[in-house]
Structure formats: structure tokens, C-alpha cells
Amino acid sequence: MNLFTPQTGNQKMDKAYATMQVHIASFDDFNSFNTYFQHIAKTDDLAVINKWLLKVLFVYLKQTKDKHDFDKLLEAVNDAEREQLREWLRGSLEKKRRAVNERNSQKSI
């Protein structure tokens, strides 16, 4: 799994990001990953750990500026159309959630 290809200009940092991606992909939830991360961290200094994590987030966010097609569409239309699209999306998601909840409740019977 490749979330992003780091290009910080620092080979050691790029390799660390790539290695971390492999580890992130192997965990199913955040708590499991967090336990692992705290175990492998070579320091107990939370300021150092937070700074490193912020670097990772900064690089990720800087390199994934490409917006989703829906976001691009919202920027291209006028205010009234934008609100209609948002309402349509909210309504569609709510219908899907209800359908999934109904299926799940029928399976449990």
C-alpha cells in the first residue's frame, strides 16, 4: 500500500516514511498501530514524537493537494447549485446508511 511517495529531498526521511507506510498498512485500527509506534519509538519525549508525526502529516498533506472530483465540482458551480449538490449527497448517504442498517437488522433476526 502506498499512501504517498515522499519527496522531502532527504533520502533517510523518505525511506523512513516509506517504511512507516508498510507498517501502517498492516494494522486494522489506530489503537493497534499506536501501541506498535510507541513500542518502536526510540524516545519517550513526546515533543520529539509529535514533531516527527507532524512532519509526516505535513509532507502527506503537501503532496496530496489533488482534490476529489466532487470537491472540484463544488468549486465550479454557483452557490445555489453547490447547496443542491450537497443536499443530494447528504440524502444519498442517509439512504445508503438506512439500507445498510435495515439489512444488518434483518440478518440478526
N, C-alpha and C. Protein backbone atom coordinates (compact mmCIF):
# COMPACT_ATOMS: atom_id res chain seq x y z
N MET A 1 0.84 -1.18 0.00
CA MET A 1 0.00 0.00 0.00
C MET A 1 0.87 1.23 0.00
N ASN A 2 0.58 2.17 -0.87
CA ASN A 2 1.39 3.37 -0.95
C ASN A 2 0.48 4.57 -0.83
N LEU A 3 0.48 5.20 0.35
CA LEU A 3 -0.36 6.36 0.57
C LEU A 3 0.14 7.56 -0.23
N PHE A 4 1.42 7.73 -0.24
CA PHE A 4 2.04 8.80 -0.99
C PHE A 4 3.52 8.49 -1.17
N THR A 5 4.11 9.12 -2.15
CA THR A 5 5.53 8.92 -2.39
C THR A 5 6.26 10.15 -1.86
N PRO A 6 6.89 10.03 -0.71
CA PRO A 6 7.54 11.20 -0.13
C PRO A 6 8.71 11.68 -0.98
N GLN A 7 8.82 12.97 -1.08
CA GLN A 7 9.93 13.58 -1.80
C GLN A 7 10.41 14.78 -1.00
N THR A 8 11.01 14.50 0.13
CA THR A 8 11.44 15.57 1.01
C THR A 8 12.80 16.12 0.63
N GLY A 9 13.52 15.39 -0.20
CA GLY A 9 14.89 15.79 -0.52
C GLY A 9 15.89 15.15 0.43
N ASN A 10 15.39 14.47 1.43
CA ASN A 10 16.23 13.80 2.41
C ASN A 10 15.97 12.30 2.27
N GLN A 11 16.96 11.57 1.72
CA GLN A 11 16.77 10.14 1.44
C GLN A 11 16.43 9.35 2.69
N LYS A 12 17.06 9.67 3.80
CA LYS A 12 16.81 8.95 5.04
C LYS A 12 15.35 9.15 5.49
N MET A 13 14.86 10.38 5.39
CA MET A 13 13.49 10.66 5.79
C MET A 13 12.51 10.01 4.83
N ASP A 14 12.78 10.06 3.53
CA ASP A 14 11.91 9.41 2.55
C ASP A 14 11.81 7.91 2.80
N LYS A 15 12.95 7.29 3.14
CA LYS A 15 12.96 5.86 3.43
C LYS A 15 12.16 5.57 4.70
N ALA A 16 12.28 6.43 5.69
CA ALA A 16 11.53 6.24 6.94
C ALA A 16 10.03 6.34 6.67
N TYR A 17 9.61 7.30 5.85
CA TYR A 17 8.19 7.43 5.51
C TYR A 17 7.70 6.19 4.78
N ALA A 18 8.48 5.72 3.81
CA ALA A 18 8.07 4.54 3.04
C ALA A 18 7.95 3.31 3.94
N THR A 19 8.90 3.14 4.84
CA THR A 19 8.87 2.01 5.78
C THR A 19 7.65 2.11 6.69
N MET A 20 7.37 3.31 7.16
CA MET A 20 6.23 3.50 8.05
C MET A 20 4.93 3.15 7.33
N GLN A 21 4.83 3.46 6.03
CA GLN A 21 3.62 3.14 5.27
C GLN A 21 3.36 1.63 5.26
N VAL A 22 4.41 0.85 5.14
CA VAL A 22 4.27 -0.61 5.14
C VAL A 22 3.68 -1.05 6.48
N HIS A 23 4.19 -0.48 7.57
CA HIS A 23 3.69 -0.84 8.89
C HIS A 23 2.24 -0.38 9.09
N ILE A 24 1.92 0.83 8.64
CA ILE A 24 0.56 1.35 8.79
C ILE A 24 -0.43 0.43 8.08
N ALA A 25 -0.07 -0.02 6.89
CA ALA A 25 -0.96 -0.86 6.09
C ALA A 25 -1.24 -2.21 6.77
N SER A 26 -0.35 -2.63 7.64
CA SER A 26 -0.52 -3.95 8.25
C SER A 26 -1.44 -3.95 9.47
N PHE A 27 -1.88 -2.77 9.92
CA PHE A 27 -2.75 -2.68 11.09
C PHE A 27 -4.18 -2.39 10.68
N ASP A 28 -5.13 -2.97 11.41
CA ASP A 28 -6.55 -2.78 11.10
C ASP A 28 -7.15 -1.57 11.79
N ASP A 29 -6.55 -1.15 12.92
CA ASP A 29 -7.11 0.00 13.61
C ASP A 29 -6.00 0.87 14.19
N PHE A 30 -6.36 2.08 14.55
CA PHE A 30 -5.37 3.04 15.05
C PHE A 30 -4.75 2.60 16.36
N ASN A 31 -5.54 2.07 17.27
CA ASN A 31 -5.00 1.68 18.58
C ASN A 31 -3.89 0.65 18.46
N SER A 32 -4.06 -0.31 17.56
CA SER A 32 -3.01 -1.32 17.35
C SER A 32 -1.74 -0.66 16.81
N PHE A 33 -1.93 0.23 15.83
CA PHE A 33 -0.77 0.92 15.28
C PHE A 33 -0.11 1.80 16.33
N ASN A 34 -0.90 2.52 17.12
CA ASN A 34 -0.35 3.41 18.14
C ASN A 34 0.48 2.63 19.15
N THR A 35 -0.01 1.48 19.57
CA THR A 35 0.75 0.63 20.50
C THR A 35 2.09 0.24 19.88
N TYR A 36 2.04 -0.17 18.61
CA TYR A 36 3.27 -0.53 17.90
C TYR A 36 4.22 0.66 17.81
N PHE A 37 3.67 1.83 17.42
CA PHE A 37 4.50 3.02 17.24
C PHE A 37 5.18 3.41 18.55
N GLN A 38 4.43 3.38 19.65
CA GLN A 38 5.00 3.74 20.95
C GLN A 38 6.10 2.75 21.34
N HIS A 39 5.94 1.48 20.92
CA HIS A 39 6.93 0.45 21.23
C HIS A 39 8.23 0.68 20.47
N ILE A 40 8.13 1.07 19.20
CA ILE A 40 9.35 1.23 18.40
C ILE A 40 9.98 2.60 18.51
N ALA A 41 9.25 3.57 19.07
CA ALA A 41 9.82 4.92 19.22
C ALA A 41 11.06 4.84 20.08
N LYS A 42 12.10 5.51 19.64
CA LYS A 42 13.37 5.43 20.35
C LYS A 42 13.50 6.50 21.42
N THR A 43 12.39 7.19 21.68
CA THR A 43 12.40 8.22 22.70
C THR A 43 11.06 8.25 23.41
N ASP A 44 11.09 8.71 24.64
CA ASP A 44 9.85 8.92 25.38
C ASP A 44 9.44 10.39 25.35
N ASP A 45 10.25 11.20 24.69
CA ASP A 45 10.00 12.64 24.60
C ASP A 45 8.85 12.90 23.62
N LEU A 46 7.69 13.23 24.18
CA LEU A 46 6.51 13.44 23.34
C LEU A 46 6.69 14.58 22.36
N ALA A 47 7.49 15.57 22.70
CA ALA A 47 7.73 16.69 21.77
C ALA A 47 8.44 16.19 20.52
N VAL A 48 9.40 15.30 20.69
CA VAL A 48 10.12 14.74 19.54
C VAL A 48 9.19 13.87 18.70
N ILE A 49 8.40 13.03 19.35
CA ILE A 49 7.47 12.15 18.64
C ILE A 49 6.44 12.98 17.88
N ASN A 50 5.87 13.98 18.55
CA ASN A 50 4.87 14.83 17.89
C ASN A 50 5.46 15.59 16.71
N LYS A 51 6.69 16.07 16.87
CA LYS A 51 7.34 16.79 15.77
C LYS A 51 7.51 15.86 14.57
N TRP A 52 7.91 14.62 14.80
CA TRP A 52 8.10 13.68 13.70
C TRP A 52 6.76 13.38 13.03
N LEU A 53 5.73 13.14 13.82
CA LEU A 53 4.41 12.87 13.25
C LEU A 53 3.87 14.07 12.48
N LEU A 54 4.12 15.27 12.97
CA LEU A 54 3.70 16.46 12.25
C LEU A 54 4.45 16.61 10.93
N LYS A 55 5.71 16.22 10.91
CA LYS A 55 6.47 16.23 9.65
C LYS A 55 5.82 15.29 8.64
N VAL A 56 5.45 14.10 9.09
CA VAL A 56 4.82 13.12 8.21
C VAL A 56 3.51 13.69 7.68
N LEU A 57 2.69 14.24 8.54
CA LEU A 57 1.41 14.83 8.11
C LEU A 57 1.63 15.98 7.15
N PHE A 58 2.61 16.83 7.43
CA PHE A 58 2.89 17.97 6.57
C PHE A 58 3.26 17.52 5.17
N VAL A 59 4.18 16.56 5.09
CA VAL A 59 4.59 16.05 3.78
C VAL A 59 3.42 15.41 3.06
N TYR A 60 2.63 14.62 3.79
CA TYR A 60 1.46 13.96 3.18
C TYR A 60 0.47 14.98 2.64
N LEU A 61 0.11 15.95 3.46
CA LEU A 61 -0.87 16.94 3.04
C LEU A 61 -0.35 17.82 1.91
N LYS A 62 0.92 18.12 1.95
CA LYS A 62 1.52 18.96 0.91
C LYS A 62 1.54 18.23 -0.43
N GLN A 63 1.74 16.91 -0.40
CA GLN A 63 1.87 16.15 -1.64
C GLN A 63 0.55 15.57 -2.12
N THR A 64 -0.51 15.69 -1.35
CA THR A 64 -1.81 15.16 -1.78
C THR A 64 -2.81 16.29 -1.94
N LYS A 65 -2.39 17.34 -2.60
CA LYS A 65 -3.25 18.50 -2.78
C LYS A 65 -4.36 18.26 -3.79
N ASP A 66 -4.26 17.20 -4.58
CA ASP A 66 -5.28 16.95 -5.59
C ASP A 66 -6.61 16.69 -4.91
N LYS A 67 -7.60 17.45 -5.31
CA LYS A 67 -8.91 17.34 -4.69
C LYS A 67 -9.74 16.25 -5.34
N HIS A 68 -10.73 15.79 -4.59
CA HIS A 68 -11.68 14.82 -5.11
C HIS A 68 -12.52 15.50 -6.19
N ASP A 69 -12.99 14.74 -7.15
CA ASP A 69 -13.79 15.29 -8.25
C ASP A 69 -15.03 16.02 -7.74
N PHE A 70 -15.65 15.53 -6.68
CA PHE A 70 -16.83 16.19 -6.13
C PHE A 70 -16.47 17.58 -5.61
N ASP A 71 -15.31 17.69 -4.94
CA ASP A 71 -14.87 19.00 -4.45
C ASP A 71 -14.60 19.96 -5.60
N LYS A 72 -14.01 19.45 -6.67
CA LYS A 72 -13.76 20.30 -7.84
C LYS A 72 -15.08 20.78 -8.43
N LEU A 73 -16.07 19.89 -8.47
CA LEU A 73 -17.38 20.26 -8.99
C LEU A 73 -18.02 21.35 -8.13
N LEU A 74 -17.93 21.22 -6.82
CA LEU A 74 -18.50 22.22 -5.93
C LEU A 74 -17.88 23.60 -6.14
N GLU A 75 -16.60 23.63 -6.47
CA GLU A 75 -15.93 24.90 -6.72
C GLU A 75 -16.33 25.52 -8.05
N ALA A 76 -16.79 24.69 -8.98
CA ALA A 76 -17.07 25.16 -10.34
C ALA A 76 -18.50 25.69 -10.51
N VAL A 77 -19.39 25.41 -9.56
CA VAL A 77 -20.79 25.80 -9.71
C VAL A 77 -21.12 27.00 -8.82
N ASN A 78 -22.29 27.60 -9.08
CA ASN A 78 -22.70 28.74 -8.26
C ASN A 78 -23.22 28.25 -6.90
N ASP A 79 -23.52 29.21 -6.01
CA ASP A 79 -23.91 28.86 -4.64
C ASP A 79 -25.16 27.99 -4.56
N ALA A 80 -26.17 28.30 -5.36
CA ALA A 80 -27.42 27.54 -5.32
C ALA A 80 -27.18 26.10 -5.77
N GLU A 81 -26.44 25.92 -6.86
CA GLU A 81 -26.13 24.56 -7.35
C GLU A 81 -25.27 23.80 -6.34
N ARG A 82 -24.35 24.52 -5.71
CA ARG A 82 -23.48 23.89 -4.71
C ARG A 82 -24.32 23.33 -3.57
N GLU A 83 -25.28 24.11 -3.08
CA GLU A 83 -26.12 23.65 -1.98
C GLU A 83 -26.99 22.47 -2.41
N GLN A 84 -27.49 22.49 -3.65
CA GLN A 84 -28.28 21.36 -4.16
C GLN A 84 -27.44 20.09 -4.20
N LEU A 85 -26.19 20.21 -4.65
CA LEU A 85 -25.31 19.04 -4.71
C LEU A 85 -25.01 18.51 -3.31
N ARG A 86 -24.79 19.40 -2.38
CA ARG A 86 -24.52 18.97 -1.00
C ARG A 86 -25.73 18.25 -0.41
N GLU A 87 -26.91 18.80 -0.64
CA GLU A 87 -28.13 18.17 -0.13
C GLU A 87 -28.33 16.80 -0.78
N TRP A 88 -28.07 16.71 -2.07
CA TRP A 88 -28.20 15.43 -2.77
C TRP A 88 -27.24 14.40 -2.15
N LEU A 89 -26.00 14.82 -1.90
CA LEU A 89 -25.02 13.91 -1.32
C LEU A 89 -25.44 13.47 0.08
N ARG A 90 -25.87 14.42 0.90
CA ARG A 90 -26.33 14.07 2.26
C ARG A 90 -27.49 13.08 2.20
N GLY A 91 -28.46 13.38 1.33
CA GLY A 91 -29.63 12.50 1.20
C GLY A 91 -29.25 11.11 0.71
N SER A 92 -28.37 11.06 -0.27
CA SER A 92 -27.92 9.77 -0.81
C SER A 92 -27.20 8.95 0.25
N LEU A 93 -26.33 9.59 1.02
CA LEU A 93 -25.60 8.89 2.07
C LEU A 93 -26.56 8.38 3.15
N GLU A 94 -27.54 9.20 3.50
CA GLU A 94 -28.50 8.78 4.52
C GLU A 94 -29.32 7.58 4.04
N LYS A 95 -29.72 7.57 2.76
CA LYS A 95 -30.46 6.43 2.21
C LYS A 95 -29.61 5.15 2.29
N LYS A 96 -28.34 5.27 1.92
CA LYS A 96 -27.44 4.12 1.98
C LYS A 96 -27.27 3.61 3.41
N ARG A 97 -27.10 4.55 4.34
CA ARG A 97 -26.95 4.15 5.75
C ARG A 97 -28.19 3.40 6.24
N ARG A 98 -29.37 3.92 5.91
CA ARG A 98 -30.61 3.26 6.32
C ARG A 98 -30.72 1.87 5.71
N ALA A 99 -30.38 1.74 4.41
CA ALA A 99 -30.46 0.44 3.75
C ALA A 99 -29.51 -0.56 4.41
N VAL A 100 -28.31 -0.12 4.73
CA VAL A 100 -27.33 -1.00 5.39
C VAL A 100 -27.82 -1.39 6.77
N ASN A 101 -28.36 -0.43 7.52
CA ASN A 101 -28.87 -0.72 8.87
C ASN A 101 -30.04 -1.71 8.80
N GLU A 102 -30.91 -1.55 7.80
CA GLU A 102 -32.04 -2.47 7.66
C GLU A 102 -31.55 -3.88 7.32
N ARG A 103 -30.58 -3.99 6.42
CA ARG A 103 -30.03 -5.30 6.07
C ARG A 103 -29.41 -5.95 7.27
N ASN A 104 -28.64 -5.16 8.05
CA ASN A 104 -27.99 -5.71 9.23
C ASN A 104 -29.00 -6.16 10.27
N SER A 105 -30.06 -5.39 10.44
CA SER A 105 -31.06 -5.78 11.43
C SER A 105 -31.83 -7.02 10.98
N GLN A 106 -32.04 -7.20 9.68
CA GLN A 106 -32.72 -8.39 9.17
C GLN A 106 -31.84 -9.63 9.30
N LYS A 107 -30.55 -9.45 9.15
CA LYS A 107 -29.63 -10.59 9.28
C LYS A 107 -29.58 -11.09 10.72
N SER A 108 -29.74 -10.18 11.66
CA SER A 108 -29.65 -10.58 13.07
C SER A 108 -30.91 -11.26 13.57
N ILE A 109 -31.96 -11.22 12.76
CA ILE A 109 -33.21 -11.86 13.19
C ILE A 109 -33.17 -13.34 12.95
